[in-house]
Amino acid sequence: MTSIAQILGELQAQRKQAETELGRIDSAISALQGLSGKGNAGRAGAPRRRVMSAAARKRIADAQRVRWAKWKAKQKKVA
């Protein structure tokens, strides 16, 4: 029977191998992005977040409050 310590040791070794492999993959990706000239200076592969004005957030919040009020009113009628 395998002890928990042995299993833990094997899992830690596998994790270290995976981290090493991930580092190699990251290096390869960086090299390829450098060759293509399309590399991201910031976060790799992450899309830019859209900026929303305070007025737009307020309109969305107000609309959601109206939807919730309708839903809650309907729930009171059913109950």
PDB file of N, CA and C in Angstrom:
ATOM      1  N   MET A   1       0.842  -1.175   0.000  1.00  0.00           N
ATOM      2  CA  MET A   1       0.000   0.000   0.000  1.00  0.00           C
ATOM      3  C   MET A   1       0.889   1.242   0.000  1.00  0.00           C
ATOM      4  N   THR A   2       0.518   2.206  -0.818  1.00  0.00           N
ATOM      5  CA  THR A   2       1.292   3.428  -0.948  1.00  0.00           C
ATOM      6  C   THR A   2       0.863   4.421   0.130  1.00  0.00           C
ATOM      7  N   SER A   3       1.864   5.036   0.746  1.00  0.00           N
ATOM      8  CA  SER A   3       1.537   5.980   1.806  1.00  0.00           C
ATOM      9  C   SER A   3       1.203   7.343   1.199  1.00  0.00           C
ATOM     10  N   ILE A   4       0.567   8.149   1.982  1.00  0.00           N
ATOM     11  CA  ILE A   4       0.184   9.488   1.556  1.00  0.00           C
ATOM     12  C   ILE A   4       1.425  10.325   1.254  1.00  0.00           C
ATOM     13  N   ALA A   5       2.480  10.129   2.016  1.00  0.00           N
ATOM     14  CA  ALA A   5       3.723  10.883   1.801  1.00  0.00           C
ATOM     15  C   ALA A   5       4.314  10.567   0.430  1.00  0.00           C
ATOM     16  N   GLN A   6       4.266   9.302   0.021  1.00  0.00           N
ATOM     17  CA  GLN A   6       4.788   8.911  -1.286  1.00  0.00           C
ATOM     18  C   GLN A   6       3.944   9.525  -2.410  1.00  0.00           C
ATOM     19  N   ILE A   7       2.640   9.473  -2.230  1.00  0.00           N
ATOM     20  CA  ILE A   7       1.739  10.055  -3.232  1.00  0.00           C
ATOM     21  C   ILE A   7       1.977  11.552  -3.338  1.00  0.00           C
ATOM     22  N   LEU A   8       2.118  12.212  -2.201  1.00  0.00           N
ATOM     23  CA  LEU A   8       2.372  13.647  -2.182  1.00  0.00           C
ATOM     24  C   LEU A   8       3.690  13.970  -2.884  1.00  0.00           C
ATOM     25  N   GLY A   9       4.706  13.189  -2.638  1.00  0.00           N
ATOM     26  CA  GLY A   9       6.000  13.392  -3.295  1.00  0.00           C
ATOM     27  C   GLY A   9       5.908  13.232  -4.804  1.00  0.00           C
ATOM     28  N   GLU A  10       5.174  12.221  -5.255  1.00  0.00           N
ATOM     29  CA  GLU A  10       5.000  12.005  -6.690  1.00  0.00           C
ATOM     30  C   GLU A  10       4.237  13.168  -7.330  1.00  0.00           C
ATOM     31  N   LEU A  11       3.205  13.637  -6.650  1.00  0.00           N
ATOM     32  CA  LEU A  11       2.422  14.753  -7.183  1.00  0.00           C
ATOM     33  C   LEU A  11       3.261  16.028  -7.262  1.00  0.00           C
ATOM     34  N   GLN A  12       4.088  16.266  -6.257  1.00  0.00           N
ATOM     35  CA  GLN A  12       4.947  17.450  -6.275  1.00  0.00           C
ATOM     36  C   GLN A  12       5.966  17.365  -7.410  1.00  0.00           C
ATOM     37  N   ALA A  13       6.497  16.174  -7.666  1.00  0.00           N
ATOM     38  CA  ALA A  13       7.448  15.995  -8.766  1.00  0.00           C
ATOM     39  C   ALA A  13       6.757  16.237 -10.108  1.00  0.00           C
ATOM     40  N   GLN A  14       5.544  15.728 -10.261  1.00  0.00           N
ATOM     41  CA  GLN A  14       4.797  15.945 -11.496  1.00  0.00           C
ATOM     42  C   GLN A  14       4.484  17.423 -11.686  1.00  0.00           C
ATOM     43  N   ARG A  15       4.179  18.115 -10.594  1.00  0.00           N
ATOM     44  CA  ARG A  15       3.891  19.544 -10.685  1.00  0.00           C
ATOM     45  C   ARG A  15       5.124  20.309 -11.147  1.00  0.00           C
ATOM     46  N   LYS A  16       6.284  19.948 -10.614  1.00  0.00           N
ATOM     47  CA  LYS A  16       7.529  20.618 -10.999  1.00  0.00           C
ATOM     48  C   LYS A  16       7.806  20.385 -12.479  1.00  0.00           C
ATOM     49  N   GLN A  17       7.576  19.173 -12.964  1.00  0.00           N
ATOM     50  CA  GLN A  17       7.771  18.884 -14.384  1.00  0.00           C
ATOM     51  C   GLN A  17       6.813  19.708 -15.235  1.00  0.00           C
ATOM     52  N   ALA A  18       5.576  19.831 -14.794  1.00  0.00           N
ATOM     53  CA  ALA A  18       4.581  20.608 -15.542  1.00  0.00           C
ATOM     54  C   ALA A  18       4.970  22.086 -15.583  1.00  0.00           C
ATOM     55  N   GLU A  19       5.487  22.619 -14.473  1.00  0.00           N
ATOM     56  CA  GLU A  19       5.922  24.016 -14.442  1.00  0.00           C
ATOM     57  C   GLU A  19       7.086  24.240 -15.395  1.00  0.00           C
ATOM     58  N   THR A  20       8.009  23.283 -15.443  1.00  0.00           N
ATOM     59  CA  THR A  20       9.144  23.379 -16.363  1.00  0.00           C
ATOM     60  C   THR A  20       8.648  23.378 -17.807  1.00  0.00           C
ATOM     61  N   GLU A  21       7.743  22.487 -18.096  1.00  0.00           N
ATOM     62  CA  GLU A  21       7.173  22.401 -19.452  1.00  0.00           C
ATOM     63  C   GLU A  21       6.433  23.683 -19.804  1.00  0.00           C
ATOM     64  N   LEU A  22       5.699  24.233 -18.868  1.00  0.00           N
ATOM     65  CA  LEU A  22       4.974  25.477 -19.096  1.00  0.00           C
ATOM     66  C   LEU A  22       5.937  26.623 -19.388  1.00  0.00           C
ATOM     67  N   GLY A  23       7.048  26.667 -18.691  1.00  0.00           N
ATOM     68  CA  GLY A  23       8.064  27.683 -18.953  1.00  0.00           C
ATOM     69  C   GLY A  23       8.618  27.570 -20.360  1.00  0.00           C
ATOM     70  N   ARG A  24       8.851  26.339 -20.810  1.00  0.00           N
ATOM     71  CA  ARG A  24       9.343  26.142 -22.183  1.00  0.00           C
ATOM     72  C   ARG A  24       8.306  26.573 -23.199  1.00  0.00           C
ATOM     73  N   ILE A  25       7.054  26.256 -22.950  1.00  0.00           N
ATOM     74  CA  ILE A  25       5.983  26.648 -23.871  1.00  0.00           C
ATOM     75  C   ILE A  25       5.866  28.165 -23.922  1.00  0.00           C
ATOM     76  N   ASP A  26       5.921  28.820 -22.765  1.00  0.00           N
ATOM     77  CA  ASP A  26       5.865  30.283 -22.722  1.00  0.00           C
ATOM     78  C   ASP A  26       7.017  30.904 -23.507  1.00  0.00           C
ATOM     79  N   SER A  27       8.207  30.326 -23.382  1.00  0.00           N
ATOM     80  CA  SER A  27       9.363  30.834 -24.123  1.00  0.00           C
ATOM     81  C   SER A  27       9.150  30.686 -25.626  1.00  0.00           C
ATOM     82  N   ALA A  28       8.598  29.545 -26.034  1.00  0.00           N
ATOM     83  CA  ALA A  28       8.345  29.323 -27.454  1.00  0.00           C
ATOM     84  C   ALA A  28       7.310  30.302 -27.990  1.00  0.00           C
ATOM     85  N   ILE A  29       6.275  30.551 -27.216  1.00  0.00           N
ATOM     86  CA  ILE A  29       5.242  31.504 -27.625  1.00  0.00           C
ATOM     87  C   ILE A  29       5.834  32.896 -27.763  1.00  0.00           C
ATOM     88  N   SER A  30       6.635  33.300 -26.787  1.00  0.00           N
ATOM     89  CA  SER A  30       7.259  34.619 -26.841  1.00  0.00           C
ATOM     90  C   SER A  30       8.152  34.751 -28.066  1.00  0.00           C
ATOM     91  N   ALA A  31       8.914  33.711 -28.351  1.00  0.00           N
ATOM     92  CA  ALA A  31       9.798  33.751 -29.515  1.00  0.00           C
ATOM     93  C   ALA A  31       9.000  33.871 -30.797  1.00  0.00           C
ATOM     94  N   LEU A  32       7.929  33.122 -30.914  1.00  0.00           N
ATOM     95  CA  LEU A  32       7.109  33.181 -32.126  1.00  0.00           C
ATOM     96  C   LEU A  32       6.414  34.524 -32.267  1.00  0.00           C
ATOM     97  N   GLN A  33       5.961  35.100 -31.154  1.00  0.00           N
ATOM     98  CA  GLN A  33       5.334  36.415 -31.217  1.00  0.00           C
ATOM     99  C   GLN A  33       6.356  37.463 -31.642  1.00  0.00           C
ATOM    100  N   GLY A  34       7.570  37.324 -31.197  1.00  0.00           N
ATOM    101  CA  GLY A  34       8.621  38.254 -31.589  1.00  0.00           C
ATOM    102  C   GLY A  34       8.926  38.166 -33.073  1.00  0.00           C
ATOM    103  N   LEU A  35       8.870  36.960 -33.630  1.00  0.00           N
ATOM    104  CA  LEU A  35       9.129  36.782 -35.052  1.00  0.00           C
ATOM    105  C   LEU A  35       8.017  37.371 -35.911  1.00  0.00           C
ATOM    106  N   SER A  36       6.782  37.219 -35.453  1.00  0.00           N
ATOM    107  CA  SER A  36       5.653  37.685 -36.250  1.00  0.00           C
ATOM    108  C   SER A  36       5.444  39.186 -36.121  1.00  0.00           C
ATOM    109  N   GLY A  37       6.016  39.798 -35.081  1.00  0.00           N
ATOM    110  CA  GLY A  37       5.851  41.234 -34.893  1.00  0.00           C
ATOM    111  C   GLY A  37       4.492  41.605 -34.336  1.00  0.00           C
ATOM    112  N   LYS A  38       3.725  40.619 -33.901  1.00  0.00           N
ATOM    113  CA  LYS A  38       2.380  40.878 -33.388  1.00  0.00           C
ATOM    114  C   LYS A  38       2.276  40.599 -31.900  1.00  0.00           C
ATOM    115  N   GLY A  39       3.375  40.673 -31.200  1.00  0.00           N
ATOM    116  CA  GLY A  39       3.362  40.357 -29.774  1.00  0.00           C
ATOM    117  C   GLY A  39       2.649  41.418 -28.966  1.00  0.00           C
ATOM    118  N   ASN A  40       2.053  41.012 -27.870  1.00  0.00           N
ATOM    119  CA  ASN A  40       1.402  41.927 -26.940  1.00  0.00           C
ATOM    120  C   ASN A  40       2.433  42.441 -25.958  1.00  0.00           C
ATOM    121  N   ALA A  41       2.453  43.744 -25.748  1.00  0.00           N
ATOM    122  CA  ALA A  41       3.363  44.297 -24.761  1.00  0.00           C
ATOM    123  C   ALA A  41       2.825  44.048 -23.355  1.00  0.00           C
ATOM    124  N   GLY A  42       1.491  44.012 -23.207  1.00  0.00           N
ATOM    125  CA  GLY A  42       0.866  43.825 -21.900  1.00  0.00           C
ATOM    126  C   GLY A  42       0.590  42.367 -21.624  1.00  0.00           C
ATOM    127  N   ARG A  43      -0.637  42.098 -21.251  1.00  0.00           N
ATOM    128  CA  ARG A  43      -1.029  40.736 -20.923  1.00  0.00           C
ATOM    129  C   ARG A  43      -1.119  39.921 -22.207  1.00  0.00           C
ATOM    130  N   ALA A  44      -0.492  38.778 -22.224  1.00  0.00           N
ATOM    131  CA  ALA A  44      -0.453  37.946 -23.423  1.00  0.00           C
ATOM    132  C   ALA A  44      -1.820  37.341 -23.700  1.00  0.00           C
ATOM    133  N   GLY A  45      -2.382  37.643 -24.849  1.00  0.00           N
ATOM    134  CA  GLY A  45      -3.617  37.026 -25.284  1.00  0.00           C
ATOM    135  C   GLY A  45      -4.873  37.562 -24.641  1.00  0.00           C
ATOM    136  N   ALA A  46      -4.765  38.475 -23.710  1.00  0.00           N
ATOM    137  CA  ALA A  46      -5.946  38.973 -23.017  1.00  0.00           C
ATOM    138  C   ALA A  46      -6.553  40.134 -23.812  1.00  0.00           C
ATOM    139  N   PRO A  47      -7.851  40.094 -24.049  1.00  0.00           N
ATOM    140  CA  PRO A  47      -8.474  41.204 -24.769  1.00  0.00           C
ATOM    141  C   PRO A  47      -8.536  42.455 -23.900  1.00  0.00           C
ATOM    142  N   ARG A  48      -8.580  43.601 -24.541  1.00  0.00           N
ATOM    143  CA  ARG A  48      -8.673  44.847 -23.791  1.00  0.00           C
ATOM    144  C   ARG A  48     -10.067  44.975 -23.204  1.00  0.00           C
ATOM    145  N   ARG A  49     -10.150  45.533 -22.026  1.00  0.00           N
ATOM    146  CA  ARG A  49     -11.442  45.720 -21.374  1.00  0.00           C
ATOM    147  C   ARG A  49     -12.072  46.986 -21.886  1.00  0.00           C
ATOM    148  N   ARG A  50     -13.369  46.943 -22.077  1.00  0.00           N
ATOM    149  CA  ARG A  50     -14.079  48.110 -22.553  1.00  0.00           C
ATOM    150  C   ARG A  50     -14.343  49.068 -21.402  1.00  0.00           C
ATOM    151  N   VAL A  51     -14.223  50.340 -21.703  1.00  0.00           N
ATOM    152  CA  VAL A  51     -14.444  51.366 -20.697  1.00  0.00           C
ATOM    153  C   VAL A  51     -15.893  51.830 -20.817  1.00  0.00           C
ATOM    154  N   MET A  52     -16.567  51.911 -19.695  1.00  0.00           N
ATOM    155  CA  MET A  52     -17.967  52.319 -19.692  1.00  0.00           C
ATOM    156  C   MET A  52     -18.103  53.563 -18.821  1.00  0.00           C
ATOM    157  N   SER A  53     -18.840  54.532 -19.320  1.00  0.00           N
ATOM    158  CA  SER A  53     -19.011  55.763 -18.567  1.00  0.00           C
ATOM    159  C   SER A  53     -19.904  55.525 -17.352  1.00  0.00           C
ATOM    160  N   ALA A  54     -19.840  56.451 -16.421  1.00  0.00           N
ATOM    161  CA  ALA A  54     -20.671  56.357 -15.222  1.00  0.00           C
ATOM    162  C   ALA A  54     -22.148  56.447 -15.598  1.00  0.00           C
ATOM    163  N   ALA A  55     -22.466  57.274 -16.587  1.00  0.00           N
ATOM    164  CA  ALA A  55     -23.858  57.411 -17.010  1.00  0.00           C
ATOM    165  C   ALA A  55     -24.379  56.100 -17.603  1.00  0.00           C
ATOM    166  N   ALA A  56     -23.544  55.414 -18.373  1.00  0.00           N
ATOM    167  CA  ALA A  56     -23.954  54.131 -18.957  1.00  0.00           C
ATOM    168  C   ALA A  56     -24.174  53.093 -17.860  1.00  0.00           C
ATOM    169  N   ARG A  57     -23.276  53.054 -16.871  1.00  0.00           N
ATOM    170  CA  ARG A  57     -23.459  52.109 -15.754  1.00  0.00           C
ATOM    171  C   ARG A  57     -24.741  52.404 -14.999  1.00  0.00           C
ATOM    172  N   LYS A  58     -25.057  53.694 -14.832  1.00  0.00           N
ATOM    173  CA  LYS A  58     -26.279  54.085 -14.126  1.00  0.00           C
ATOM    174  C   LYS A  58     -27.508  53.641 -14.907  1.00  0.00           C
ATOM    175  N   ARG A  59     -27.509  53.833 -16.228  1.00  0.00           N
ATOM    176  CA  ARG A  59     -28.646  53.398 -17.051  1.00  0.00           C
ATOM    177  C   ARG A  59     -28.846  51.892 -16.945  1.00  0.00           C
ATOM    178  N   ILE A  60     -27.757  51.142 -16.998  1.00  0.00           N
ATOM    179  CA  ILE A  60     -27.846  49.684 -16.898  1.00  0.00           C
ATOM    180  C   ILE A  60     -28.371  49.277 -15.523  1.00  0.00           C
ATOM    181  N   ALA A  61     -27.867  49.911 -14.473  1.00  0.00           N
ATOM    182  CA  ALA A  61     -28.310  49.583 -13.109  1.00  0.00           C
ATOM    183  C   ALA A  61     -29.786  49.921 -12.928  1.00  0.00           C
ATOM    184  N   ASP A  62     -30.202  51.074 -13.454  1.00  0.00           N
ATOM    185  CA  ASP A  62     -31.610  51.462 -13.331  1.00  0.00           C
ATOM    186  C   ASP A  62     -32.513  50.473 -14.062  1.00  0.00           C
ATOM    187  N   ALA A  63     -32.100  50.073 -15.257  1.00  0.00           N
ATOM    188  CA  ALA A  63     -32.894  49.106 -16.024  1.00  0.00           C
ATOM    189  C   ALA A  63     -32.990  47.780 -15.280  1.00  0.00           C
ATOM    190  N   GLN A  64     -31.896  47.351 -14.659  1.00  0.00           N
ATOM    191  CA  GLN A  64     -31.912  46.095 -13.904  1.00  0.00           C
ATOM    192  C   GLN A  64     -32.830  46.204 -12.696  1.00  0.00           C
ATOM    193  N   ARG A  65     -32.830  47.356 -12.029  1.00  0.00           N
ATOM    194  CA  ARG A  65     -33.728  47.538 -10.882  1.00  0.00           C
ATOM    195  C   ARG A  65     -35.182  47.448 -11.317  1.00  0.00           C
ATOM    196  N   VAL A  66     -35.497  48.006 -12.487  1.00  0.00           N
ATOM    197  CA  VAL A  66     -36.868  47.927 -13.004  1.00  0.00           C
ATOM    198  C   VAL A  66     -37.235  46.470 -13.281  1.00  0.00           C
ATOM    199  N   ARG A  67     -36.306  45.719 -13.900  1.00  0.00           N
ATOM    200  CA  ARG A  67     -36.587  44.301 -14.175  1.00  0.00           C
ATOM    201  C   ARG A  67     -36.820  43.527 -12.890  1.00  0.00           C
ATOM    202  N   TRP A  68     -35.981  43.776 -11.865  1.00  0.00           N
ATOM    203  CA  TRP A  68     -36.151  43.089 -10.595  1.00  0.00           C
ATOM    204  C   TRP A  68     -37.480  43.469  -9.936  1.00  0.00           C
ATOM    205  N   ALA A  69     -37.850  44.728 -10.013  1.00  0.00           N
ATOM    206  CA  ALA A  69     -39.113  45.163  -9.407  1.00  0.00           C
ATOM    207  C   ALA A  69     -40.289  44.457 -10.072  1.00  0.00           C
ATOM    208  N   LYS A  70     -40.265  44.341 -11.394  1.00  0.00           N
ATOM    209  CA  LYS A  70     -41.332  43.626 -12.108  1.00  0.00           C
ATOM    210  C   LYS A  70     -41.378  42.169 -11.673  1.00  0.00           C
ATOM    211  N   TRP A  71     -40.211  41.548 -11.577  1.00  0.00           N
ATOM    212  CA  TRP A  71     -40.156  40.140 -11.209  1.00  0.00           C
ATOM    213  C   TRP A  71     -40.679  39.934  -9.788  1.00  0.00           C
ATOM    214  N   LYS A  72     -40.264  40.812  -8.865  1.00  0.00           N
ATOM    215  CA  LYS A  72     -40.709  40.685  -7.479  1.00  0.00           C
ATOM    216  C   LYS A  72     -42.210  40.925  -7.351  1.00  0.00           C
ATOM    217  N   ALA A  73     -42.741  41.872  -8.132  1.00  0.00           N
ATOM    218  CA  ALA A  73     -44.178  42.131  -8.107  1.00  0.00           C
ATOM    219  C   ALA A  73     -44.942  40.912  -8.606  1.00  0.00           C
ATOM    220  N   LYS A  74     -44.415  40.284  -9.635  1.00  0.00           N
ATOM    221  CA  LYS A  74     -45.068  39.085 -10.188  1.00  0.00           C
ATOM    222  C   LYS A  74     -45.024  37.943  -9.164  1.00  0.00           C
ATOM    223  N   GLN A  75     -43.915  37.823  -8.421  1.00  0.00           N
ATOM    224  CA  GLN A  75     -43.803  36.779  -7.420  1.00  0.00           C
ATOM    225  C   GLN A  75     -44.789  36.985  -6.273  1.00  0.00           C
ATOM    226  N   LYS A  76     -45.066  38.235  -5.903  1.00  0.00           N
ATOM    227  CA  LYS A  76     -46.013  38.520  -4.850  1.00  0.00           C
ATOM    228  C   LYS A  76     -47.427  38.132  -5.279  1.00  0.00           C
ATOM    229  N   LYS A  77     -47.765  38.370  -6.557  1.00  0.00           N
ATOM    230  CA  LYS A  77     -49.090  38.023  -7.063  1.00  0.00           C
ATOM    231  C   LYS A  77     -49.288  36.510  -7.079  1.00  0.00           C
ATOM    232  N   VAL A  78     -48.252  35.764  -7.404  1.00  0.00           N
ATOM    233  CA  VAL A  78     -48.338  34.298  -7.470  1.00  0.00           C
ATOM    234  C   VAL A  78     -48.482  33.721  -6.073  1.00  0.00           C
ATOM    235  N   ALA A  79     -47.778  34.275  -5.113  1.00  0.00           N
ATOM    236  CA  ALA A  79     -47.765  33.721  -3.753  1.00  0.00           C
ATOM    237  C   ALA A  79     -48.980  34.051  -2.969  1.00  0.00           C
TER     238      ALA A  79
END
